[in-house]
Amino acid sequence: MNPFEFNFKDNSTNELERFTKEVLDKIDGKSGTRRKKMYKRGNMANEPKGSYSITFGYTNMSYLSKTKSRMPSDIDGLYYTKLRAEHPELKAILKQLVDLHSPDKITVDQVQINRNWRAPPHRDAGNVGESSIIGMGNYTGGETIVEYSPEHIQEYDIKNKFVRFDGSRYTHYTYPFSGDRYSLVFYNHKKLG
């Protein structure tokens, strides 16, 4: 398994496109059972081929399958996700991304990486506080919708820009899209405080 090597040269859209090609396109992702069920339940269809929703960071689940265990992390009671265990170098690359492209300070401990994954309406039960999301890729549509109240439903264009909202408090989802779409959601795990 080759490590990822990438350094942002600047905060341009061209660099986001290069990051997409040199890093995101090379992630070998596969959604877990819970994410697949969430997709099917919310979208009334199976995940499209080649799509996934995976976490870089920590989980409280100690196993990958009946025969595969996860690597214990440096935090009691949490384990590294498969992507974090296999590619710890991604943390520094993702930190560069947020340092150059986000107007806000963002912690890079938990990142949900979605490829062509249309999030159904949901709230993030395991998150604490605000999340920051950015979209990348060659796609149209795919806005992030946040329902702050029945009277206040906000549509966000996240392509190549960060948007913050409290995903544990407000229902949110993805509008349909065409093309190749990634979204990266930076959030705080409730066990990380």
Protein backbone atom coordinates (compact mmCIF):
# COMPACT_ATOMS: atom_id res chain seq x y z
CA MET A 1 0.00 0.00 0.00
CA ASN A 2 1.66 3.20 -1.17
CA PRO A 3 1.41 6.26 1.04
CA PHE A 4 -0.15 9.41 -0.35
CA GLU A 5 2.26 12.22 -1.11
CA PHE A 6 0.74 15.61 -1.75
CA ASN A 7 1.48 19.25 -0.91
CA PHE A 8 -0.79 22.13 -1.79
CA LYS A 9 1.06 24.87 -3.67
CA ASP A 10 -1.59 27.52 -2.99
CA ASN A 11 -5.30 27.95 -2.22
CA SER A 12 -6.51 27.97 -5.84
CA THR A 13 -9.30 25.92 -7.38
CA ASN A 14 -6.63 24.32 -9.61
CA GLU A 15 -5.00 22.91 -6.48
CA LEU A 16 -8.33 21.47 -5.31
CA GLU A 17 -8.65 19.79 -8.71
CA ARG A 18 -5.10 18.41 -8.40
CA PHE A 19 -5.90 17.16 -4.87
CA THR A 20 -9.01 15.43 -6.22
CA LYS A 21 -7.02 13.64 -8.96
CA GLU A 22 -3.89 12.80 -6.95
CA VAL A 23 -5.49 11.89 -3.62
CA LEU A 24 -9.28 11.47 -3.61
CA ASP A 25 -9.45 9.55 -6.90
CA LYS A 26 -6.89 7.07 -5.52
CA ILE A 27 -8.69 6.21 -2.29
CA ASP A 28 -9.95 2.65 -2.45
CA GLY A 29 -13.17 3.12 -0.51
CA LYS A 30 -16.08 0.89 0.33
CA SER A 31 -19.01 1.90 2.51
CA GLY A 32 -19.67 -0.10 5.63
CA THR A 33 -22.94 -1.91 6.25
CA ARG A 34 -24.51 0.95 8.24
CA ARG A 35 -23.76 3.54 5.54
CA LYS A 36 -25.10 1.22 2.81
CA LYS A 37 -28.33 0.73 4.79
CA MET A 38 -28.63 4.47 5.38
CA TYR A 39 -28.25 5.13 1.64
CA LYS A 40 -30.78 2.48 0.66
CA ARG A 41 -33.34 3.53 3.29
CA GLY A 42 -33.07 7.24 2.42
CA ASN A 43 -32.74 7.02 -1.36
CA MET A 44 -34.89 3.90 -1.98
CA ALA A 45 -32.02 2.42 -4.01
CA ASN A 46 -28.66 0.74 -3.53
CA GLU A 47 -25.49 2.82 -3.61
CA PRO A 48 -24.35 3.42 -7.17
CA LYS A 49 -21.34 1.37 -8.25
CA GLY A 50 -18.10 3.13 -7.35
CA SER A 51 -19.68 5.31 -4.67
CA TYR A 52 -18.82 5.20 -0.99
CA SER A 53 -18.97 6.99 2.34
CA ILE A 54 -15.99 6.26 4.59
CA THR A 55 -14.47 7.81 7.71
CA PHE A 56 -10.91 8.94 8.26
CA GLY A 57 -10.40 9.05 12.01
CA TYR A 58 -11.80 7.06 14.89
CA THR A 59 -14.62 4.66 15.62
CA ASN A 60 -15.89 2.90 18.72
CA MET A 61 -16.33 -0.36 16.78
CA SER A 62 -13.44 -2.74 17.45
CA TYR A 63 -13.98 -4.90 14.37
CA LEU A 64 -14.10 -4.63 10.60
CA SER A 65 -15.74 -8.03 10.14
CA LYS A 66 -16.14 -11.31 12.01
CA THR A 67 -12.53 -12.15 11.22
CA LYS A 68 -10.83 -8.71 11.13
CA SER A 69 -10.16 -6.43 14.10
CA ARG A 70 -9.37 -2.73 14.04
CA MET A 71 -6.15 -1.13 15.26
CA PRO A 72 -6.53 0.38 18.75
CA SER A 73 -5.98 4.13 18.74
CA ASP A 74 -4.15 6.37 21.17
CA ILE A 75 -7.53 7.27 22.71
CA ASP A 76 -9.05 4.85 25.22
CA GLY A 77 -12.13 3.07 23.86
CA LEU A 78 -11.64 4.23 20.26
CA TYR A 79 -10.11 2.48 17.27
CA TYR A 80 -8.64 3.82 14.06
CA THR A 81 -10.85 3.53 11.01
CA LYS A 82 -9.43 1.41 8.20
CA LEU A 83 -8.46 4.49 6.15
CA ARG A 84 -6.76 6.15 9.16
CA ALA A 85 -4.86 2.95 10.03
CA GLU A 86 -3.69 2.40 6.45
CA HIS A 87 -2.94 6.03 5.58
CA PRO A 88 -2.01 8.11 8.64
CA GLU A 89 -0.21 10.54 6.29
CA LEU A 90 -3.62 11.76 5.08
CA LYS A 91 -4.05 13.73 8.31
CA ALA A 92 -1.27 16.17 7.34
CA ILE A 93 -2.64 16.50 3.79
CA LEU A 94 -6.18 17.16 5.06
CA LYS A 95 -4.78 19.71 7.53
CA GLN A 96 -3.13 21.55 4.62
CA LEU A 97 -6.49 21.54 2.83
CA VAL A 98 -8.33 23.20 5.71
CA ASP A 99 -5.49 25.59 6.56
CA LEU A 100 -5.43 26.90 2.99
CA HIS A 101 -9.10 26.75 2.02
CA SER A 102 -11.23 27.17 5.14
CA PRO A 103 -11.91 30.59 6.64
CA ASP A 104 -12.40 28.85 10.02
CA LYS A 105 -10.07 26.83 12.22
CA ILE A 106 -10.99 23.17 11.76
CA THR A 107 -9.78 20.13 13.67
CA VAL A 108 -8.78 17.23 11.43
CA ASP A 109 -9.60 14.28 13.69
CA GLN A 110 -12.74 13.03 11.95
CA VAL A 111 -13.42 13.37 8.22
CA GLN A 112 -16.27 11.68 6.37
CA ILE A 113 -15.20 11.21 2.74
CA ASN A 114 -18.07 10.69 0.31
CA ARG A 115 -17.67 9.78 -3.33
CA ASN A 116 -20.79 10.05 -5.49
CA TRP A 117 -22.76 9.41 -2.31
CA ARG A 118 -26.05 11.26 -2.09
CA ALA A 119 -26.72 11.74 1.60
CA PRO A 120 -30.39 11.18 2.50
CA PRO A 121 -32.07 13.39 5.13
CA HIS A 122 -30.41 12.70 8.49
CA ARG A 123 -28.86 14.11 11.64
CA ASP A 124 -25.39 13.10 12.79
CA ALA A 125 -25.94 11.31 16.10
CA GLY A 126 -22.22 10.79 16.79
CA ASN A 127 -21.15 14.38 16.15
CA VAL A 128 -20.66 17.28 18.54
CA GLY A 129 -21.04 20.90 17.43
CA GLU A 130 -20.58 22.29 13.98
CA SER A 131 -19.33 20.38 10.96
CA SER A 132 -17.51 21.86 7.97
CA ILE A 133 -18.16 20.47 4.50
CA ILE A 134 -16.52 21.06 1.13
CA GLY A 135 -17.38 19.59 -2.27
CA MET A 136 -14.89 18.79 -5.02
CA GLY A 137 -14.90 17.17 -8.42
CA ASN A 138 -16.41 17.58 -11.85
CA TYR A 139 -20.12 17.72 -11.10
CA THR A 140 -23.24 19.86 -11.31
CA GLY A 141 -26.01 20.05 -8.71
CA GLY A 142 -25.38 18.27 -5.42
CA GLU A 143 -26.14 21.20 -3.14
CA THR A 144 -26.19 20.53 0.59
CA ILE A 145 -29.59 21.28 2.15
CA VAL A 146 -29.91 22.14 5.85
CA GLU A 147 -33.34 22.33 7.49
CA TYR A 148 -32.91 24.84 10.31
CA SER A 149 -36.70 24.88 10.79
CA PRO A 150 -39.73 24.10 8.61
CA GLU A 151 -39.70 27.77 7.58
CA HIS A 152 -35.93 28.05 7.16
CA ILE A 153 -34.44 25.55 4.73
CA GLN A 154 -31.05 26.64 3.40
CA GLU A 155 -29.43 25.43 0.17
CA TYR A 156 -25.61 25.59 0.12
CA ASP A 157 -23.37 25.32 -2.93
CA ILE A 158 -20.33 23.61 -1.39
CA LYS A 159 -18.32 23.13 -4.58
CA ASN A 160 -14.74 24.21 -3.81
CA LYS A 161 -15.74 26.06 -0.64
CA PHE A 162 -16.28 25.25 3.00
CA VAL A 163 -19.67 25.65 4.68
CA ARG A 164 -20.34 25.19 8.41
CA PHE A 165 -23.51 23.94 10.10
CA ASP A 166 -24.47 21.80 13.09
CA GLY A 167 -25.17 18.39 11.56
CA SER A 168 -26.07 16.88 14.93
CA ARG A 169 -28.81 19.46 15.47
CA TYR A 170 -30.25 20.04 12.00
CA THR A 171 -31.49 17.60 9.36
CA HIS A 172 -29.40 17.83 6.21
CA TYR A 173 -29.06 16.02 2.88
CA THR A 174 -27.72 16.22 -0.66
CA TYR A 175 -29.63 17.29 -3.75
CA PRO A 176 -29.26 15.07 -6.85
CA PHE A 177 -26.16 15.67 -8.94
CA SER A 178 -24.49 14.52 -12.14
CA GLY A 179 -20.80 13.91 -12.64
CA ASP A 180 -18.10 12.84 -10.19
CA ARG A 181 -18.68 14.44 -6.77
CA TYR A 182 -16.70 14.24 -3.55
CA SER A 183 -17.72 15.81 -0.27
CA LEU A 184 -15.49 15.94 2.78
CA VAL A 185 -17.16 16.55 6.13
CA PHE A 186 -14.90 17.59 9.02
CA TYR A 187 -16.54 17.01 12.40
CA ASN A 188 -15.93 16.30 16.07
CA HIS A 189 -16.65 12.79 17.39
CA LYS A 190 -18.63 12.91 20.66
CA LYS A 191 -15.98 10.74 22.35
CA LEU A 192 -13.23 13.16 21.35
CA GLY A 193 -15.08 16.02 23.03
